[in-house]
Amino acid sequence: MADELMTAQEVATRLRVSRETVRRWLRDGKLKGFVVSDAAGWRIPVSEVDRFIDERLSCKRDQD
């Protein structure tokens, strides 16, 4: 089964950041996704969002 996809806005809402922050992470390669078209924008697999969250939590735990 294919991974469900999220828009940059949906990811931003889930992570409580701005859509531009999500786009910057995508452009910088910190978060992986793909551009469907100029009009449709980015799509990010849910599994990638989960990986991104886990990675950030792991770094935070290492700092504590």
PDB file of N, CA and C in Angstrom:
ATOM      1  N   MET A   1       0.839  -1.190   0.000  1.00  0.00           N
ATOM      2  CA  MET A   1       0.000   0.000   0.000  1.00  0.00           C
ATOM      3  C   MET A   1       0.880   1.248   0.000  1.00  0.00           C
ATOM      4  N   ALA A   2       0.526   2.213  -0.803  1.00  0.00           N
ATOM      5  CA  ALA A   2       1.293   3.454  -0.906  1.00  0.00           C
ATOM      6  C   ALA A   2       1.108   4.301   0.354  1.00  0.00           C
ATOM      7  N   ASP A   3       2.156   5.024   0.687  1.00  0.00           N
ATOM      8  CA  ASP A   3       2.136   5.913   1.848  1.00  0.00           C
ATOM      9  C   ASP A   3       1.206   7.091   1.584  1.00  0.00           C
ATOM     10  N   GLU A   4       0.421   7.461   2.567  1.00  0.00           N
ATOM     11  CA  GLU A   4      -0.450   8.633   2.445  1.00  0.00           C
ATOM     12  C   GLU A   4       0.415   9.880   2.334  1.00  0.00           C
ATOM     13  N   LEU A   5      -0.062  10.860   1.577  1.00  0.00           N
ATOM     14  CA  LEU A   5       0.683  12.097   1.373  1.00  0.00           C
ATOM     15  C   LEU A   5       0.009  13.256   2.083  1.00  0.00           C
ATOM     16  N   MET A   6       0.841  14.201   2.540  1.00  0.00           N
ATOM     17  CA  MET A   6       0.346  15.410   3.193  1.00  0.00           C
ATOM     18  C   MET A   6       0.827  16.626   2.402  1.00  0.00           C
ATOM     19  N   THR A   7       0.070  17.706   2.466  1.00  0.00           N
ATOM     20  CA  THR A   7       0.511  18.968   1.875  1.00  0.00           C
ATOM     21  C   THR A   7       1.448  19.666   2.857  1.00  0.00           C
ATOM     22  N   ALA A   8       2.154  20.672   2.373  1.00  0.00           N
ATOM     23  CA  ALA A   8       3.020  21.451   3.252  1.00  0.00           C
ATOM     24  C   ALA A   8       2.199  22.116   4.353  1.00  0.00           C
ATOM     25  N   GLN A   9       0.993  22.558   4.037  1.00  0.00           N
ATOM     26  CA  GLN A   9       0.144  23.185   5.044  1.00  0.00           C
ATOM     27  C   GLN A   9      -0.282  22.181   6.106  1.00  0.00           C
ATOM     28  N   GLU A  10      -0.614  20.967   5.703  1.00  0.00           N
ATOM     29  CA  GLU A  10      -0.999  19.936   6.674  1.00  0.00           C
ATOM     30  C   GLU A  10       0.157  19.597   7.605  1.00  0.00           C
ATOM     31  N   VAL A  11       1.369  19.508   7.050  1.00  0.00           N
ATOM     32  CA  VAL A  11       2.553  19.246   7.875  1.00  0.00           C
ATOM     33  C   VAL A  11       2.786  20.414   8.827  1.00  0.00           C
ATOM     34  N   ALA A  12       2.660  21.626   8.319  1.00  0.00           N
ATOM     35  CA  ALA A  12       2.845  22.812   9.161  1.00  0.00           C
ATOM     36  C   ALA A  12       1.864  22.815  10.324  1.00  0.00           C
ATOM     37  N   THR A  13       0.631  22.484  10.062  1.00  0.00           N
ATOM     38  CA  THR A  13      -0.381  22.434  11.113  1.00  0.00           C
ATOM     39  C   THR A  13      -0.028  21.363  12.137  1.00  0.00           C
ATOM     40  N   ARG A  14       0.362  20.199  11.661  1.00  0.00           N
ATOM     41  CA  ARG A  14       0.713  19.096  12.576  1.00  0.00           C
ATOM     42  C   ARG A  14       1.904  19.449  13.450  1.00  0.00           C
ATOM     43  N   LEU A  15       2.891  20.132  12.879  1.00  0.00           N
ATOM     44  CA  LEU A  15       4.116  20.456  13.617  1.00  0.00           C
ATOM     45  C   LEU A  15       4.070  21.820  14.304  1.00  0.00           C
ATOM     46  N   ARG A  16       2.965  22.533  14.081  1.00  0.00           N
ATOM     47  CA  ARG A  16       2.767  23.858  14.681  1.00  0.00           C
ATOM     48  C   ARG A  16       3.870  24.842  14.297  1.00  0.00           C
ATOM     49  N   VAL A  17       4.154  24.859  12.997  1.00  0.00           N
ATOM     50  CA  VAL A  17       5.096  25.815  12.416  1.00  0.00           C
ATOM     51  C   VAL A  17       4.424  26.435  11.205  1.00  0.00           C
ATOM     52  N   SER A  18       5.078  27.398  10.591  1.00  0.00           N
ATOM     53  CA  SER A  18       4.508  28.015   9.390  1.00  0.00           C
ATOM     54  C   SER A  18       4.742  27.124   8.170  1.00  0.00           C
ATOM     55  N   ARG A  19       3.924  27.336   7.153  1.00  0.00           N
ATOM     56  CA  ARG A  19       4.095  26.606   5.899  1.00  0.00           C
ATOM     57  C   ARG A  19       5.458  26.925   5.288  1.00  0.00           C
ATOM     58  N   GLU A  20       5.912  28.164   5.420  1.00  0.00           N
ATOM     59  CA  GLU A  20       7.220  28.538   4.877  1.00  0.00           C
ATOM     60  C   GLU A  20       8.349  27.788   5.584  1.00  0.00           C
ATOM     61  N   THR A  21       8.222  27.531   6.878  1.00  0.00           N
ATOM     62  CA  THR A  21       9.230  26.734   7.598  1.00  0.00           C
ATOM     63  C   THR A  21       9.296  25.329   6.999  1.00  0.00           C
ATOM     64  N   VAL A  22       8.141  24.721   6.747  1.00  0.00           N
ATOM     65  CA  VAL A  22       8.104  23.384   6.132  1.00  0.00           C
ATOM     66  C   VAL A  22       8.747  23.437   4.756  1.00  0.00           C
ATOM     67  N   ARG A  23       8.438  24.435   3.960  1.00  0.00           N
ATOM     68  CA  ARG A  23       9.038  24.567   2.631  1.00  0.00           C
ATOM     69  C   ARG A  23      10.555  24.718   2.720  1.00  0.00           C
ATOM     70  N   ARG A  24      11.024  25.474   3.701  1.00  0.00           N
ATOM     71  CA  ARG A  24      12.468  25.657   3.885  1.00  0.00           C
ATOM     72  C   ARG A  24      13.126  24.321   4.240  1.00  0.00           C
ATOM     73  N   TRP A  25      12.507  23.546   5.147  1.00  0.00           N
ATOM     74  CA  TRP A  25      13.032  22.223   5.490  1.00  0.00           C
ATOM     75  C   TRP A  25      13.089  21.333   4.262  1.00  0.00           C
ATOM     76  N   LEU A  26      12.062  21.416   3.411  1.00  0.00           N
ATOM     77  CA  LEU A  26      12.036  20.626   2.177  1.00  0.00           C
ATOM     78  C   LEU A  26      13.165  21.053   1.234  1.00  0.00           C
ATOM     79  N   ARG A  27      13.313  22.344   1.026  1.00  0.00           N
ATOM     80  CA  ARG A  27      14.373  22.847   0.135  1.00  0.00           C
ATOM     81  C   ARG A  27      15.758  22.488   0.662  1.00  0.00           C
ATOM     82  N   ASP A  28      15.930  22.518   1.996  1.00  0.00           N
ATOM     83  CA  ASP A  28      17.223  22.217   2.618  1.00  0.00           C
ATOM     84  C   ASP A  28      17.489  20.717   2.729  1.00  0.00           C
ATOM     85  N   GLY A  29      16.495  19.890   2.410  1.00  0.00           N
ATOM     86  CA  GLY A  29      16.672  18.445   2.482  1.00  0.00           C
ATOM     87  C   GLY A  29      16.478  17.854   3.865  1.00  0.00           C
ATOM     88  N   LYS A  30      16.056  18.652   4.826  1.00  0.00           N
ATOM     89  CA  LYS A  30      15.810  18.146   6.180  1.00  0.00           C
ATOM     90  C   LYS A  30      14.547  17.298   6.233  1.00  0.00           C
ATOM     91  N   LEU A  31      13.618  17.601   5.355  1.00  0.00           N
ATOM     92  CA  LEU A  31      12.359  16.884   5.218  1.00  0.00           C
ATOM     93  C   LEU A  31      12.254  16.520   3.748  1.00  0.00           C
ATOM     94  N   LYS A  32      11.869  15.281   3.462  1.00  0.00           N
ATOM     95  CA  LYS A  32      11.824  14.825   2.075  1.00  0.00           C
ATOM     96  C   LYS A  32      10.398  14.808   1.537  1.00  0.00           C
ATOM     97  N   GLY A  33      10.244  15.324   0.342  1.00  0.00           N
ATOM     98  CA  GLY A  33       8.956  15.365  -0.325  1.00  0.00           C
ATOM     99  C   GLY A  33       9.191  15.648  -1.797  1.00  0.00           C
ATOM    100  N   PHE A  34       8.129  15.953  -2.505  1.00  0.00           N
ATOM    101  CA  PHE A  34       8.267  16.245  -3.927  1.00  0.00           C
ATOM    102  C   PHE A  34       7.219  17.272  -4.334  1.00  0.00           C
ATOM    103  N   VAL A  35       7.537  18.021  -5.376  1.00  0.00           N
ATOM    104  CA  VAL A  35       6.625  19.024  -5.905  1.00  0.00           C
ATOM    105  C   VAL A  35       5.758  18.353  -6.963  1.00  0.00           C
ATOM    106  N   VAL A  36       4.440  18.439  -6.784  1.00  0.00           N
ATOM    107  CA  VAL A  36       3.502  17.883  -7.748  1.00  0.00           C
ATOM    108  C   VAL A  36       3.440  18.800  -8.968  1.00  0.00           C
ATOM    109  N   SER A  37       3.266  20.079  -8.725  1.00  0.00           N
ATOM    110  CA  SER A  37       3.270  21.112  -9.768  1.00  0.00           C
ATOM    111  C   SER A  37       3.371  22.454  -9.076  1.00  0.00           C
ATOM    112  N   ASP A  38       3.597  23.500  -9.860  1.00  0.00           N
ATOM    113  CA  ASP A  38       3.658  24.833  -9.258  1.00  0.00           C
ATOM    114  C   ASP A  38       2.361  25.167  -8.543  1.00  0.00           C
ATOM    115  N   ALA A  39       1.253  24.794  -9.140  1.00  0.00           N
ATOM    116  CA  ALA A  39      -0.056  25.109  -8.549  1.00  0.00           C
ATOM    117  C   ALA A  39      -0.372  24.227  -7.347  1.00  0.00           C
ATOM    118  N   ALA A  40      -0.043  22.943  -7.432  1.00  0.00           N
ATOM    119  CA  ALA A  40      -0.398  21.996  -6.366  1.00  0.00           C
ATOM    120  C   ALA A  40       0.591  22.019  -5.206  1.00  0.00           C
ATOM    121  N   GLY A  41       1.827  22.375  -5.473  1.00  0.00           N
ATOM    122  CA  GLY A  41       2.825  22.466  -4.414  1.00  0.00           C
ATOM    123  C   GLY A  41       3.401  21.124  -3.987  1.00  0.00           C
ATOM    124  N   TRP A  42       3.949  21.106  -2.778  1.00  0.00           N
ATOM    125  CA  TRP A  42       4.656  19.960  -2.222  1.00  0.00           C
ATOM    126  C   TRP A  42       3.715  18.885  -1.704  1.00  0.00           C
ATOM    127  N   ARG A  43       4.211  17.636  -1.731  1.00  0.00           N
ATOM    128  CA  ARG A  43       3.563  16.507  -1.071  1.00  0.00           C
ATOM    129  C   ARG A  43       4.642  15.776  -0.275  1.00  0.00           C
ATOM    130  N   ILE A  44       4.299  15.441   0.957  1.00  0.00           N
ATOM    131  CA  ILE A  44       5.243  14.809   1.869  1.00  0.00           C
ATOM    132  C   ILE A  44       4.607  13.529   2.393  1.00  0.00           C
ATOM    133  N   PRO A  45       5.296  12.386   2.252  1.00  0.00           N
ATOM    134  CA  PRO A  45       4.747  11.137   2.790  1.00  0.00           C
ATOM    135  C   PRO A  45       4.613  11.205   4.320  1.00  0.00           C
ATOM    136  N   VAL A  46       3.538  10.633   4.840  1.00  0.00           N
ATOM    137  CA  VAL A  46       3.312  10.614   6.286  1.00  0.00           C
ATOM    138  C   VAL A  46       4.490   9.942   6.996  1.00  0.00           C
ATOM    139  N   SER A  47       5.027   8.880   6.406  1.00  0.00           N
ATOM    140  CA  SER A  47       6.170   8.190   7.024  1.00  0.00           C
ATOM    141  C   SER A  47       7.377   9.112   7.147  1.00  0.00           C
ATOM    142  N   GLU A  48       7.551  10.028   6.213  1.00  0.00           N
ATOM    143  CA  GLU A  48       8.651  10.982   6.270  1.00  0.00           C
ATOM    144  C   GLU A  48       8.421  12.001   7.394  1.00  0.00           C
ATOM    145  N   VAL A  49       7.190  12.425   7.568  1.00  0.00           N
ATOM    146  CA  VAL A  49       6.867  13.350   8.673  1.00  0.00           C
ATOM    147  C   VAL A  49       7.138  12.653  10.002  1.00  0.00           C
ATOM    148  N   ASP A  50       6.729  11.392  10.122  1.00  0.00           N
ATOM    149  CA  ASP A  50       6.984  10.627  11.346  1.00  0.00           C
ATOM    150  C   ASP A  50       8.477  10.488  11.604  1.00  0.00           C
ATOM    151  N   ARG A  51       9.261  10.212  10.546  1.00  0.00           N
ATOM    152  CA  ARG A  51      10.718  10.110  10.685  1.00  0.00           C
ATOM    153  C   ARG A  51      11.311  11.424  11.158  1.00  0.00           C
ATOM    154  N   PHE A  52      10.852  12.508  10.574  1.00  0.00           N
ATOM    155  CA  PHE A  52      11.334  13.835  10.922  1.00  0.00           C
ATOM    156  C   PHE A  52      11.062  14.132  12.395  1.00  0.00           C
ATOM    157  N   ILE A  53       9.857  13.820  12.855  1.00  0.00           N
ATOM    158  CA  ILE A  53       9.489  14.044  14.259  1.00  0.00           C
ATOM    159  C   ILE A  53      10.364  13.184  15.168  1.00  0.00           C
ATOM    160  N   ASP A  54      10.500  11.895  14.849  1.00  0.00           N
ATOM    161  CA  ASP A  54      11.315  10.990  15.666  1.00  0.00           C
ATOM    162  C   ASP A  54      12.756  11.465  15.756  1.00  0.00           C
ATOM    163  N   GLU A  55      13.298  11.936  14.626  1.00  0.00           N
ATOM    164  CA  GLU A  55      14.674  12.419  14.602  1.00  0.00           C
ATOM    165  C   GLU A  55      14.833  13.638  15.505  1.00  0.00           C
ATOM    166  N   ARG A  56      13.893  14.549  15.450  1.00  0.00           N
ATOM    167  CA  ARG A  56      13.959  15.758  16.282  1.00  0.00           C
ATOM    168  C   ARG A  56      13.802  15.422  17.769  1.00  0.00           C
ATOM    169  N   LEU A  57      12.925  14.473  18.078  1.00  0.00           N
ATOM    170  CA  LEU A  57      12.741  14.059  19.472  1.00  0.00           C
ATOM    171  C   LEU A  57      13.987  13.363  19.989  1.00  0.00           C
ATOM    172  N   SER A  58      14.614  12.572  19.145  1.00  0.00           N
ATOM    173  CA  SER A  58      15.834  11.871  19.509  1.00  0.00           C
ATOM    174  C   SER A  58      16.947  12.867  19.836  1.00  0.00           C
ATOM    175  N   CYS A  59      17.086  13.892  19.015  1.00  0.00           N
ATOM    176  CA  CYS A  59      18.100  14.930  19.256  1.00  0.00           C
ATOM    177  C   CYS A  59      17.813  15.668  20.559  1.00  0.00           C
ATOM    178  N   LYS A  60      16.552  15.945  20.818  1.00  0.00           N
ATOM    179  CA  LYS A  60      16.169  16.657  22.037  1.00  0.00           C
ATOM    180  C   LYS A  60      16.493  15.798  23.267  1.00  0.00           C
ATOM    181  N   ARG A  61      16.194  14.480  23.211  1.00  0.00           N
ATOM    182  CA  ARG A  61      16.476  13.586  24.323  1.00  0.00           C
ATOM    183  C   ARG A  61      17.978  13.519  24.576  1.00  0.00           C
ATOM    184  N   ASP A  62      18.784  13.536  23.505  1.00  0.00           N
ATOM    185  CA  ASP A  62      20.221  13.488  23.652  1.00  0.00           C
ATOM    186  C   ASP A  62      20.775  14.742  24.325  1.00  0.00           C
ATOM    187  N   GLN A  63      20.086  15.866  24.146  1.00  0.00           N
ATOM    188  CA  GLN A  63      20.528  17.124  24.738  1.00  0.00           C
ATOM    189  C   GLN A  63      20.160  17.216  26.214  1.00  0.00           C
ATOM    190  N   ASP A  64      19.095  16.522  26.617  1.00  0.00           N
ATOM    191  CA  ASP A  64      18.635  16.596  28.023  1.00  0.00           C
ATOM    192  C   ASP A  64      19.488  15.778  28.954  1.00  0.00           C
TER     193      ASP A  64
END
